[in-house]
Full PDB file with SEQRES, HELIX, SHEET, SSBOND, CRYST1, ORIGX, SCALE, CONECT and MASTER records, all heavy atoms in Angstrom:
SEQRES   1 A   34  PHE ASP GLU GLY PRO GLY LYS GLU GLY ASN TYR GLY PRO          
SEQRES   2 A   34  TYR ARG GLN SER ASN ARG LYS ASP LEU TYR LYS LYS TYR          
SEQRES   3 A   34  ALA GLU THR LEU ILE ALA SER GLY                              
HELIX    1 AA1 GLN A   16  ARG A   19  5                                   4    
HELIX    2 AA2 LYS A   20  ALA A   32  1                                  13    
CRYST1    1.000    1.000    1.000  90.00  90.00  90.00 P 1           1          
ORIGX1      1.000000  0.000000  0.000000        0.00000                         
ORIGX2      0.000000  1.000000  0.000000        0.00000                         
ORIGX3      0.000000  0.000000  1.000000        0.00000                         
SCALE1      1.000000  0.000000  0.000000        0.00000                         
SCALE2      0.000000  1.000000  0.000000        0.00000                         
SCALE3      0.000000  0.000000  1.000000        0.00000                         
ATOM      1  N   PHE A   1       0.837  -1.211   0.000  1.00  0.00           N  
ATOM      2  CA  PHE A   1       0.000   0.000   0.000  1.00  0.00           C  
ATOM      3  C   PHE A   1       0.869   1.257   0.000  1.00  0.00           C  
ATOM      4  O   PHE A   1       2.014   1.237   0.454  1.00  0.00           O  
ATOM      5  CB  PHE A   1      -0.963  -0.014   1.197  1.00  0.00           C  
ATOM      6  CG  PHE A   1      -0.304  -0.245   2.537  1.00  0.00           C  
ATOM      7  CD1 PHE A   1       0.124   0.818   3.315  1.00  0.00           C  
ATOM      8  CD2 PHE A   1      -0.116  -1.538   3.020  1.00  0.00           C  
ATOM      9  CE1 PHE A   1       0.738   0.610   4.541  1.00  0.00           C  
ATOM     10  CE2 PHE A   1       0.500  -1.760   4.256  1.00  0.00           C  
ATOM     11  CZ  PHE A   1       0.920  -0.676   5.020  1.00  0.00           C  
ATOM     12  N   ASP A   2       0.284   2.349  -0.502  1.00  0.00           N  
ATOM     13  CA  ASP A   2       0.988   3.641  -0.541  1.00  0.00           C  
ATOM     14  C   ASP A   2       0.819   4.407   0.765  1.00  0.00           C  
ATOM     15  O   ASP A   2       1.701   5.164   1.164  1.00  0.00           O  
ATOM     16  CB  ASP A   2       0.455   4.495  -1.690  1.00  0.00           C  
ATOM     17  CG  ASP A   2       0.645   3.820  -3.033  1.00  0.00           C  
ATOM     18  OD1 ASP A   2       1.792   3.452  -3.342  1.00  0.00           O  
ATOM     19  OD2 ASP A   2      -0.343   3.643  -3.771  1.00  0.00           O  
ATOM     20  N   GLU A   3      -0.353   4.257   1.379  1.00  0.00           N  
ATOM     21  CA  GLU A   3      -0.641   4.901   2.672  1.00  0.00           C  
ATOM     22  C   GLU A   3      -1.321   3.868   3.564  1.00  0.00           C  
ATOM     23  O   GLU A   3      -2.102   3.054   3.087  1.00  0.00           O  
ATOM     24  CB  GLU A   3      -1.630   6.064   2.502  1.00  0.00           C  
ATOM     25  CG  GLU A   3      -1.124   7.269   1.776  1.00  0.00           C  
ATOM     26  CD  GLU A   3      -2.273   8.248   1.491  1.00  0.00           C  
ATOM     27  OE1 GLU A   3      -3.231   8.298   2.290  1.00  0.00           O  
ATOM     28  OE2 GLU A   3      -2.199   8.937   0.467  1.00  0.00           O  
ATOM     29  N   GLY A   4      -1.043   3.959   4.847  1.00  0.00           N  
ATOM     30  CA  GLY A   4      -1.673   3.036   5.791  1.00  0.00           C  
ATOM     31  C   GLY A   4      -0.885   3.009   7.083  1.00  0.00           C  
ATOM     32  O   GLY A   4       0.036   3.817   7.283  1.00  0.00           O  
ATOM     33  N   PRO A   5      -1.212   2.070   7.975  1.00  0.00           N  
ATOM     34  CA  PRO A   5      -0.475   1.978   9.239  1.00  0.00           C  
ATOM     35  C   PRO A   5       1.028   1.801   8.991  1.00  0.00           C  
ATOM     36  O   PRO A   5       1.435   0.916   8.244  1.00  0.00           O  
ATOM     37  CB  PRO A   5      -1.070   0.720   9.897  1.00  0.00           C  
ATOM     38  CG  PRO A   5      -2.413   0.562   9.271  1.00  0.00           C  
ATOM     39  CD  PRO A   5      -2.268   1.051   7.870  1.00  0.00           C  
ATOM     40  N   GLY A   6       1.815   2.695   9.582  1.00  0.00           N  
ATOM     41  CA  GLY A   6       3.269   2.621   9.394  1.00  0.00           C  
ATOM     42  C   GLY A   6       3.750   3.360   8.154  1.00  0.00           C  
ATOM     43  O   GLY A   6       4.943   3.520   7.937  1.00  0.00           O  
ATOM     44  N   LYS A   7       2.824   3.772   7.287  1.00  0.00           N  
ATOM     45  CA  LYS A   7       3.171   4.566   6.089  1.00  0.00           C  
ATOM     46  C   LYS A   7       2.209   5.745   6.074  1.00  0.00           C  
ATOM     47  O   LYS A   7       1.341   5.848   5.226  1.00  0.00           O  
ATOM     48  CB  LYS A   7       2.976   3.743   4.816  1.00  0.00           C  
ATOM     49  CG  LYS A   7       4.108   2.829   4.439  1.00  0.00           C  
ATOM     50  CD  LYS A   7       3.869   2.328   3.024  1.00  0.00           C  
ATOM     51  CE  LYS A   7       4.708   1.077   2.760  1.00  0.00           C  
ATOM     52  NZ  LYS A   7       4.338   0.484   1.466  1.00  0.00           N  
ATOM     53  N   GLU A   8       2.356   6.591   7.060  1.00  0.00           N  
ATOM     54  CA  GLU A   8       1.377   7.663   7.266  1.00  0.00           C  
ATOM     55  C   GLU A   8       1.416   8.675   6.119  1.00  0.00           C  
ATOM     56  O   GLU A   8       2.469   9.163   5.748  1.00  0.00           O  
ATOM     57  CB  GLU A   8       1.659   8.389   8.595  1.00  0.00           C  
ATOM     58  CG  GLU A   8       1.674   7.472   9.822  1.00  0.00           C  
ATOM     59  CD  GLU A   8       0.398   6.686  10.032  1.00  0.00           C  
ATOM     60  OE1 GLU A   8      -0.683   7.275   9.868  1.00  0.00           O  
ATOM     61  OE2 GLU A   8       0.471   5.479  10.348  1.00  0.00           O  
ATOM     62  N   GLY A   9       0.243   8.956   5.567  1.00  0.00           N  
ATOM     63  CA  GLY A   9       0.104  10.002   4.553  1.00  0.00           C  
ATOM     64  C   GLY A   9      -0.602  11.193   5.190  1.00  0.00           C  
ATOM     65  O   GLY A   9      -0.531  11.387   6.414  1.00  0.00           O  
ATOM     66  N   ASN A  10      -1.317  11.957   4.402  1.00  0.00           N  
ATOM     67  CA  ASN A  10      -1.996  13.160   4.913  1.00  0.00           C  
ATOM     68  C   ASN A  10      -3.430  12.890   5.369  1.00  0.00           C  
ATOM     69  O   ASN A  10      -4.159  13.818   5.689  1.00  0.00           O  
ATOM     70  CB  ASN A  10      -2.023  14.240   3.822  1.00  0.00           C  
ATOM     71  CG  ASN A  10      -0.620  14.641   3.414  1.00  0.00           C  
ATOM     72  OD1 ASN A  10       0.280  14.668   4.247  1.00  0.00           O  
ATOM     73  ND2 ASN A  10      -0.420  14.921   2.143  1.00  0.00           N  
ATOM     74  N   TYR A  11      -3.836  11.606   5.367  1.00  0.00           N  
ATOM     75  CA  TYR A  11      -5.247  11.305   5.630  1.00  0.00           C  
ATOM     76  C   TYR A  11      -5.436  10.371   6.825  1.00  0.00           C  
ATOM     77  O   TYR A  11      -6.483   9.772   6.970  1.00  0.00           O  
ATOM     78  CB  TYR A  11      -5.877  10.670   4.379  1.00  0.00           C  
ATOM     79  CG  TYR A  11      -5.860  11.576   3.164  1.00  0.00           C  
ATOM     80  CD1 TYR A  11      -4.738  11.624   2.326  1.00  0.00           C  
ATOM     81  CD2 TYR A  11      -6.935  12.393   2.864  1.00  0.00           C  
ATOM     82  CE1 TYR A  11      -4.707  12.461   1.209  1.00  0.00           C  
ATOM     83  CE2 TYR A  11      -6.925  13.230   1.748  1.00  0.00           C  
ATOM     84  CZ  TYR A  11      -5.803  13.259   0.926  1.00  0.00           C  
ATOM     85  OH  TYR A  11      -5.784  14.075  -0.168  1.00  0.00           O  
ATOM     86  N   GLY A  12      -4.418  10.232   7.646  1.00  0.00           N  
ATOM     87  CA  GLY A  12      -4.469   9.308   8.782  1.00  0.00           C  
ATOM     88  C   GLY A  12      -5.269   9.877   9.938  1.00  0.00           C  
ATOM     89  O   GLY A  12      -5.790  10.997   9.851  1.00  0.00           O  
ATOM     90  N   PRO A  13      -5.381   9.154  11.055  1.00  0.00           N  
ATOM     91  CA  PRO A  13      -4.824   7.804  11.203  1.00  0.00           C  
ATOM     92  C   PRO A  13      -5.586   6.779  10.353  1.00  0.00           C  
ATOM     93  O   PRO A  13      -6.703   7.034   9.911  1.00  0.00           O  
ATOM     94  CB  PRO A  13      -4.979   7.517  12.700  1.00  0.00           C  
ATOM     95  CG  PRO A  13      -6.028   8.463  13.184  1.00  0.00           C  
ATOM     96  CD  PRO A  13      -6.021   9.642  12.296  1.00  0.00           C  
ATOM     97  N   TYR A  14      -4.923   5.613  10.121  1.00  0.00           N  
ATOM     98  CA  TYR A  14      -5.467   4.620   9.198  1.00  0.00           C  
ATOM     99  C   TYR A  14      -6.066   3.418   9.918  1.00  0.00           C  
ATOM    100  O   TYR A  14      -6.347   2.403   9.278  1.00  0.00           O  
ATOM    101  CB  TYR A  14      -4.370   4.188   8.206  1.00  0.00           C  
ATOM    102  CG  TYR A  14      -3.953   5.335   7.316  1.00  0.00           C  
ATOM    103  CD1 TYR A  14      -2.907   6.188   7.672  1.00  0.00           C  
ATOM    104  CD2 TYR A  14      -4.634   5.604   6.140  1.00  0.00           C  
ATOM    105  CE1 TYR A  14      -2.539   7.255   6.870  1.00  0.00           C  
ATOM    106  CE2 TYR A  14      -4.274   6.683   5.324  1.00  0.00           C  
ATOM    107  CZ  TYR A  14      -3.228   7.500   5.693  1.00  0.00           C  
ATOM    108  OH  TYR A  14      -2.871   8.565   4.898  1.00  0.00           O  
ATOM    109  N   ARG A  15      -6.237   3.541  11.218  1.00  0.00           N  
ATOM    110  CA  ARG A  15      -6.997   2.534  11.988  1.00  0.00           C  
ATOM    111  C   ARG A  15      -8.253   3.214  12.488  1.00  0.00           C  
ATOM    112  O   ARG A  15      -8.192   4.288  13.095  1.00  0.00           O  
ATOM    113  CB  ARG A  15      -6.187   2.035  13.194  1.00  0.00           C  
ATOM    114  CG  ARG A  15      -5.054   1.135  12.869  1.00  0.00           C  
ATOM    115  CD  ARG A  15      -4.370   0.612  14.132  1.00  0.00           C  
ATOM    116  NE  ARG A  15      -3.043   0.136  13.798  1.00  0.00           N  
ATOM    117  CZ  ARG A  15      -1.948   0.888  13.844  1.00  0.00           C  
ATOM    118  NH1 ARG A  15      -2.037   2.164  14.231  1.00  0.00           N  
ATOM    119  NH2 ARG A  15      -0.783   0.374  13.520  1.00  0.00           N  
ATOM    120  N   GLN A  16      -9.404   2.588  12.288  1.00  0.00           N  
ATOM    121  CA  GLN A  16     -10.657   3.230  12.701  1.00  0.00           C  
ATOM    122  C   GLN A  16     -10.725   3.447  14.214  1.00  0.00           C  
ATOM    123  O   GLN A  16     -11.312   4.421  14.669  1.00  0.00           O  
ATOM    124  CB  GLN A  16     -11.853   2.398  12.222  1.00  0.00           C  
ATOM    125  CG  GLN A  16     -12.166   2.655  10.763  1.00  0.00           C  
ATOM    126  CD  GLN A  16     -13.446   2.006  10.307  1.00  0.00           C  
ATOM    127  OE1 GLN A  16     -13.918   1.063  10.910  1.00  0.00           O  
ATOM    128  NE2 GLN A  16     -14.000   2.509   9.214  1.00  0.00           N  
ATOM    129  N   SER A  17     -10.106   2.549  14.979  1.00  0.00           N  
ATOM    130  CA  SER A  17     -10.156   2.713  16.441  1.00  0.00           C  
ATOM    131  C   SER A  17      -9.455   4.006  16.870  1.00  0.00           C  
ATOM    132  O   SER A  17      -9.769   4.566  17.919  1.00  0.00           O  
ATOM    133  CB  SER A  17      -9.520   1.501  17.136  1.00  0.00           C  
ATOM    134  OG  SER A  17      -8.187   1.338  16.694  1.00  0.00           O  
ATOM    135  N   ASN A  18      -8.511   4.489  16.050  1.00  0.00           N  
ATOM    136  CA  ASN A  18      -7.820   5.749  16.357  1.00  0.00           C  
ATOM    137  C   ASN A  18      -8.582   6.971  15.830  1.00  0.00           C  
ATOM    138  O   ASN A  18      -8.161   8.101  16.013  1.00  0.00           O  
ATOM    139  CB  ASN A  18      -6.412   5.758  15.734  1.00  0.00           C  
ATOM    140  CG  ASN A  18      -5.528   4.672  16.319  1.00  0.00           C  
ATOM    141  OD1 ASN A  18      -5.790   4.176  17.398  1.00  0.00           O  
ATOM    142  ND2 ASN A  18      -4.494   4.283  15.599  1.00  0.00           N  
ATOM    143  N   ARG A  19      -9.703   6.707  15.159  1.00  0.00           N  
ATOM    144  CA  ARG A  19     -10.477   7.792  14.564  1.00  0.00           C  
ATOM    145  C   ARG A  19     -11.842   7.945  15.238  1.00  0.00           C  
ATOM    146  O   ARG A  19     -12.681   8.719  14.774  1.00  0.00           O  
ATOM    147  CB  ARG A  19     -10.708   7.504  13.069  1.00  0.00           C  
ATOM    148  CG  ARG A  19      -9.444   7.361  12.250  1.00  0.00           C  
ATOM    149  CD  ARG A  19      -9.721   6.817  10.841  1.00  0.00           C  
ATOM    150  NE  ARG A  19     -10.495   7.745  10.031  1.00  0.00           N  
ATOM    151  CZ  ARG A  19      -9.991   8.752   9.329  1.00  0.00           C  
ATOM    152  NH1 ARG A  19      -8.683   8.983   9.332  1.00  0.00           N  
ATOM    153  NH2 ARG A  19     -10.765   9.547   8.626  1.00  0.00           N  
ATOM    154  N   LYS A  20     -12.078   7.198  16.337  1.00  0.00           N  
ATOM    155  CA  LYS A  20     -13.453   7.088  16.857  1.00  0.00           C  
ATOM    156  C   LYS A  20     -14.052   8.419  17.333  1.00  0.00           C  
ATOM    157  O   LYS A  20     -15.273   8.575  17.316  1.00  0.00           O  
ATOM    158  CB  LYS A  20     -13.545   6.024  17.957  1.00  0.00           C  
ATOM    159  CG  LYS A  20     -12.760   6.288  19.205  1.00  0.00           C  
ATOM    160  CD  LYS A  20     -12.933   5.123  20.158  1.00  0.00           C  
ATOM    161  CE  LYS A  20     -12.166   5.358  21.440  1.00  0.00           C  
ATOM    162  NZ  LYS A  20     -12.247   4.209  22.332  1.00  0.00           N  
ATOM    163  N   ASP A  21     -13.201   9.378  17.688  1.00  0.00           N  
ATOM    164  CA  ASP A  21     -13.739  10.678  18.126  1.00  0.00           C  
ATOM    165  C   ASP A  21     -14.382  11.457  16.967  1.00  0.00           C  
ATOM    166  O   ASP A  21     -15.143  12.397  17.186  1.00  0.00           O  
ATOM    167  CB  ASP A  21     -12.616  11.534  18.745  1.00  0.00           C  
ATOM    168  CG  ASP A  21     -12.045  10.876  19.995  1.00  0.00           C  
ATOM    169  OD1 ASP A  21     -12.755  10.021  20.561  1.00  0.00           O  
ATOM    170  OD2 ASP A  21     -10.907  11.187  20.380  1.00  0.00           O  
ATOM    171  N   LEU A  22     -14.056  11.057  15.742  1.00  0.00           N  
ATOM    172  CA  LEU A  22     -14.575  11.758  14.573  1.00  0.00           C  
ATOM    173  C   LEU A  22     -16.068  11.520  14.341  1.00  0.00           C  
ATOM    174  O   LEU A  22     -16.779  12.387  13.865  1.00  0.00           O  
ATOM    175  CB  LEU A  22     -13.879  11.217  13.306  1.00  0.00           C  
ATOM    176  CG  LEU A  22     -12.470  11.647  12.972  1.00  0.00           C  
ATOM    177  CD1 LEU A  22     -11.957  10.800  11.815  1.00  0.00           C  
ATOM    178  CD2 LEU A  22     -12.493  13.112  12.547  1.00  0.00           C  
ATOM    179  N   TYR A  23     -16.506  10.283  14.643  1.00  0.00           N  
ATOM    180  CA  TYR A  23     -17.773   9.825  14.080  1.00  0.00           C  
ATOM    181  C   TYR A  23     -19.014  10.402  14.753  1.00  0.00           C  
ATOM    182  O   TYR A  23     -20.043  10.575  14.110  1.00  0.00           O  
ATOM    183  CB  TYR A  23     -17.824   8.290  14.096  1.00  0.00           C  
ATOM    184  CG  TYR A  23     -16.637   7.654  13.412  1.00  0.00           C  
ATOM    185  CD1 TYR A  23     -15.705   6.893  14.121  1.00  0.00           C  
ATOM    186  CD2 TYR A  23     -16.422   7.839  12.045  1.00  0.00           C  
ATOM    187  CE1 TYR A  23     -14.612   6.323  13.490  1.00  0.00           C  
ATOM    188  CE2 TYR A  23     -15.325   7.272  11.408  1.00  0.00           C  
ATOM    189  CZ  TYR A  23     -14.415   6.514  12.138  1.00  0.00           C  
ATOM    190  OH  TYR A  23     -13.324   5.957  11.514  1.00  0.00           O  
ATOM    191  N   LYS A  24     -18.914  10.704  16.036  1.00  0.00           N  
ATOM    192  CA  LYS A  24     -20.101  11.139  16.771  1.00  0.00           C  
ATOM    193  C   LYS A  24     -20.686  12.424  16.173  1.00  0.00           C  
ATOM    194  O   LYS A  24     -21.891  12.545  15.980  1.00  0.00           O  
ATOM    195  CB  LYS A  24     -19.767  11.334  18.258  1.00  0.00           C  
ATOM    196  CG  LYS A  24     -21.029  11.534  19.088  1.00  0.00           C  
ATOM    197  CD  LYS A  24     -20.749  11.647  20.570  1.00  0.00           C  
ATOM    198  CE  LYS A  24     -22.065  11.779  21.319  1.00  0.00           C  
ATOM    199  NZ  LYS A  24     -21.886  12.089  22.727  1.00  0.00           N  
ATOM    200  N   LYS A  25     -19.810  13.350  15.819  1.00  0.00           N  
ATOM    201  CA  LYS A  25     -20.325  14.640  15.298  1.00  0.00           C  
ATOM    202  C   LYS A  25     -21.043  14.442  13.970  1.00  0.00           C  
ATOM    203  O   LYS A  25     -22.019  15.138  13.660  1.00  0.00           O  
ATOM    204  CB  LYS A  25     -19.211  15.672  15.193  1.00  0.00           C  
ATOM    205  CG  LYS A  25     -18.231  15.472  14.075  1.00  0.00           C  
ATOM    206  CD  LYS A  25     -17.335  16.701  13.859  1.00  0.00           C  
ATOM    207  CE  LYS A  25     -16.439  16.470  12.664  1.00  0.00           C  
ATOM    208  NZ  LYS A  25     -15.612  17.587  12.327  1.00  0.00           N  
ATOM    209  N   TYR A  26     -20.581  13.455  13.172  1.00  0.00           N  
ATOM    210  CA  TYR A  26     -21.247  13.189  11.894  1.00  0.00           C  
ATOM    211  C   TYR A  26     -22.616  12.548  12.125  1.00  0.00           C  
ATOM    212  O   TYR A  26     -23.581  12.856  11.403  1.00  0.00           O  
ATOM    213  CB  TYR A  26     -20.367  12.306  11.002  1.00  0.00           C  
ATOM    214  CG  TYR A  26     -19.187  13.075  10.447  1.00  0.00           C  
ATOM    215  CD1 TYR A  26     -17.912  12.939  11.007  1.00  0.00           C  
ATOM    216  CD2 TYR A  26     -19.338  13.962   9.386  1.00  0.00           C  
ATOM    217  CE1 TYR A  26     -16.826  13.648  10.521  1.00  0.00           C  
ATOM    218  CE2 TYR A  26     -18.263  14.685   8.877  1.00  0.00           C  
ATOM    219  CZ  TYR A  26     -17.016  14.528   9.454  1.00  0.00           C  
ATOM    220  OH  TYR A  26     -15.953  15.247   8.962  1.00  0.00           O  
ATOM    221  N   ALA A  27     -22.691  11.658  13.122  1.00  0.00           N  
ATOM    222  CA  ALA A  27     -23.982  11.050  13.465  1.00  0.00           C  
ATOM    223  C   ALA A  27     -24.953  12.136  13.931  1.00  0.00           C  
ATOM    224  O   ALA A  27     -26.136  12.148  13.555  1.00  0.00           O  
ATOM    225  CB  ALA A  27     -23.786   9.992  14.545  1.00  0.00           C  
ATOM    226  N   GLU A  28     -24.457  13.069  14.741  1.00  0.00           N  
ATOM    227  CA  GLU A  28     -25.313  14.153  15.259  1.00  0.00           C  
ATOM    228  C   GLU A  28     -25.740  15.112  14.144  1.00  0.00           C  
ATOM    229  O   GLU A  28     -26.841  15.668  14.171  1.00  0.00           O  
ATOM    230  CB  GLU A  28     -24.586  14.898  16.380  1.00  0.00           C  
ATOM    231  CG  GLU A  28     -24.511  14.060  17.652  1.00  0.00           C  
ATOM    232  CD  GLU A  28     -23.567  14.625  18.707  1.00  0.00           C  
ATOM    233  OE1 GLU A  28     -22.764  15.517  18.366  1.00  0.00           O  
ATOM    234  OE2 GLU A  28     -23.627  14.150  19.866  1.00  0.00           O  
ATOM    235  N   THR A  29     -24.861  15.280  13.129  1.00  0.00           N  
ATOM    236  CA  THR A  29     -25.216  16.104  11.966  1.00  0.00           C  
ATOM    237  C   THR A  29     -26.437  15.517  11.253  1.00  0.00           C  
ATOM    238  O   THR A  29     -27.337  16.239  10.829  1.00  0.00           O  
ATOM    239  CB  THR A  29     -24.023  16.174  10.976  1.00  0.00           C  
ATOM    240  OG1 THR A  29     -22.907  16.740  11.647  1.00  0.00           O  
ATOM    241  CG2 THR A  29     -24.350  17.003   9.742  1.00  0.00           C  
ATOM    242  N   LEU A  30     -26.451  14.188  11.142  1.00  0.00           N  
ATOM    243  CA  LEU A  30     -27.577  13.523  10.473  1.00  0.00           C  
ATOM    244  C   LEU A  30     -28.866  13.675  11.282  1.00  0.00           C  
ATOM    245  O   LEU A  30     -29.947  13.819  10.709  1.00  0.00           O  
ATOM    246  CB  LEU A  30     -27.260  12.036  10.264  1.00  0.00           C  
ATOM    247  CG  LEU A  30     -26.168  11.725   9.229  1.00  0.00           C  
ATOM    248  CD1 LEU A  30     -25.864  10.235   9.213  1.00  0.00           C  
ATOM    249  CD2 LEU A  30     -26.577  12.190   7.833  1.00  0.00           C  
ATOM    250  N   ILE A  31     -28.739  13.639  12.612  1.00  0.00           N  
ATOM    251  CA  ILE A  31     -29.931  13.848  13.461  1.00  0.00           C  
ATOM    252  C   ILE A  31     -30.445  15.282  13.269  1.00  0.00           C  
ATOM    253  O   ILE A  31     -31.643  15.501  13.055  1.00  0.00           O  
ATOM    254  CB  ILE A  31     -29.607  13.563  14.940  1.00  0.00           C  
ATOM    255  CG1 ILE A  31     -29.463  12.057  15.148  1.00  0.00           C  
ATOM    256  CG2 ILE A  31     -30.701  14.128  15.862  1.00  0.00           C  
ATOM    257  CD1 ILE A  31     -29.077  11.620  16.529  1.00  0.00           C  
ATOM    258  N   ALA A  32     -29.542  16.231  13.280  1.00  0.00           N  
ATOM    259  CA  ALA A  32     -29.927  17.648  13.133  1.00  0.00           C  
ATOM    260  C   ALA A  32     -30.617  17.917  11.794  1.00  0.00           C  
ATOM    261  O   ALA A  32     -31.523  18.746  11.709  1.00  0.00           O  
ATOM    262  CB  ALA A  32     -28.692  18.531  13.274  1.00  0.00           C  
ATOM    263  N   SER A  33     -30.188  17.180  10.741  1.00  0.00           N  
ATOM    264  CA  SER A  33     -30.786  17.403   9.410  1.00  0.00           C  
ATOM    265  C   SER A  33     -32.019  16.540   9.174  1.00  0.00           C  
ATOM    266  O   SER A  33     -32.602  16.576   8.089  1.00  0.00           O  
ATOM    267  CB  SER A  33     -29.746  17.135   8.320  1.00  0.00           C  
ATOM    268  OG  SER A  33     -29.367  15.763   8.331  1.00  0.00           O  
ATOM    269  N   GLY A  34     -32.385  15.709  10.185  1.00  0.00           N  
ATOM    270  CA  GLY A  34     -33.591  14.884  10.057  1.00  0.00           C  
ATOM    271  C   GLY A  34     -33.379  13.585   9.303  1.00  0.00           C  
ATOM    272  O   GLY A  34     -34.340  12.893   8.961  1.00  0.00           O  
TER     273      GLY A  34                                                      
MASTER        0    0    0    2    0    0    0    6  272    1    0    3          
END                                                                             
């Protein structure tokens, strides 16, 4: 792979467990928009 764990690019982190703080706000955005 070109980007991923151990080959960090500009779009990391590449493990979802390290990204878990991201998702709640997107879920709440969907609630706000109905």
